[in-house]
Amino acid sequence: MSLKAIKKRQLILNTAIQYILENDLISLTLDGLAQKASISKGGLLYHFKNKNELQLAVAEEIINEFLEAYETIVEHEKGAGKHIRAFILAAQRDLHAGARFNVAIQIMQNSNTNITEMYECLMNDLLRENDIDASTVQLIRLTIDGLYYSRLLNILPVSDRVTDEVIGKLLQMTRKEEH
């Protein structure tokens, strides 16, 4: 694929993500997306044959961004609990960037694909982290899920300040106290 085609594909994905964040997944149409991205529908269809293919590519893009952030953070974290801390910090970064992961969640709930499997592998890896007990990992995961779902469903969404306080407490749960 040429550099121009790669850039156009990325423009389409970014435009679709932004549209879904501002509106919803159901109202996304290929015609509307082509117009919003200032490209022809034929140009869009060159990259994505249909709405389902586009949605799966959007979810994959977001999951990959999240996993890249997670892996980068893991490299910089030290000691016990570094994987769960990386998950917490990657989620915090995403929540501050508009909770893009919610778009992937919406798409994953409607499909059983390798994208769902990618996320499940990450969750299983976190649960296998031996230096943090499984109930603490689950509590952290469920709290992060709650932060995302409160935004997704617009049910008492938590402010960025409170989100950061919650994240701080979750991070504390991953650090073993030295006596």
Foldseek 3Di string as FASTA:
>chain_A
DDPVLVVLLVLLLVLLLVVCLVPNLVPDALCVSCVSSVHDSVSVCVNPVGSLRSLVVSLQVVLVQLVVQLVVQLVVDDDFLSNLLSNLVSLLVCVVVRVSNLSNVVSCVVDPDVSVVSVVVSLVVQCPRPRAHNVLSVVSVVVSVVQSVCSSVVPPHDDSVVSVVVSVVSVVSRDDDDD
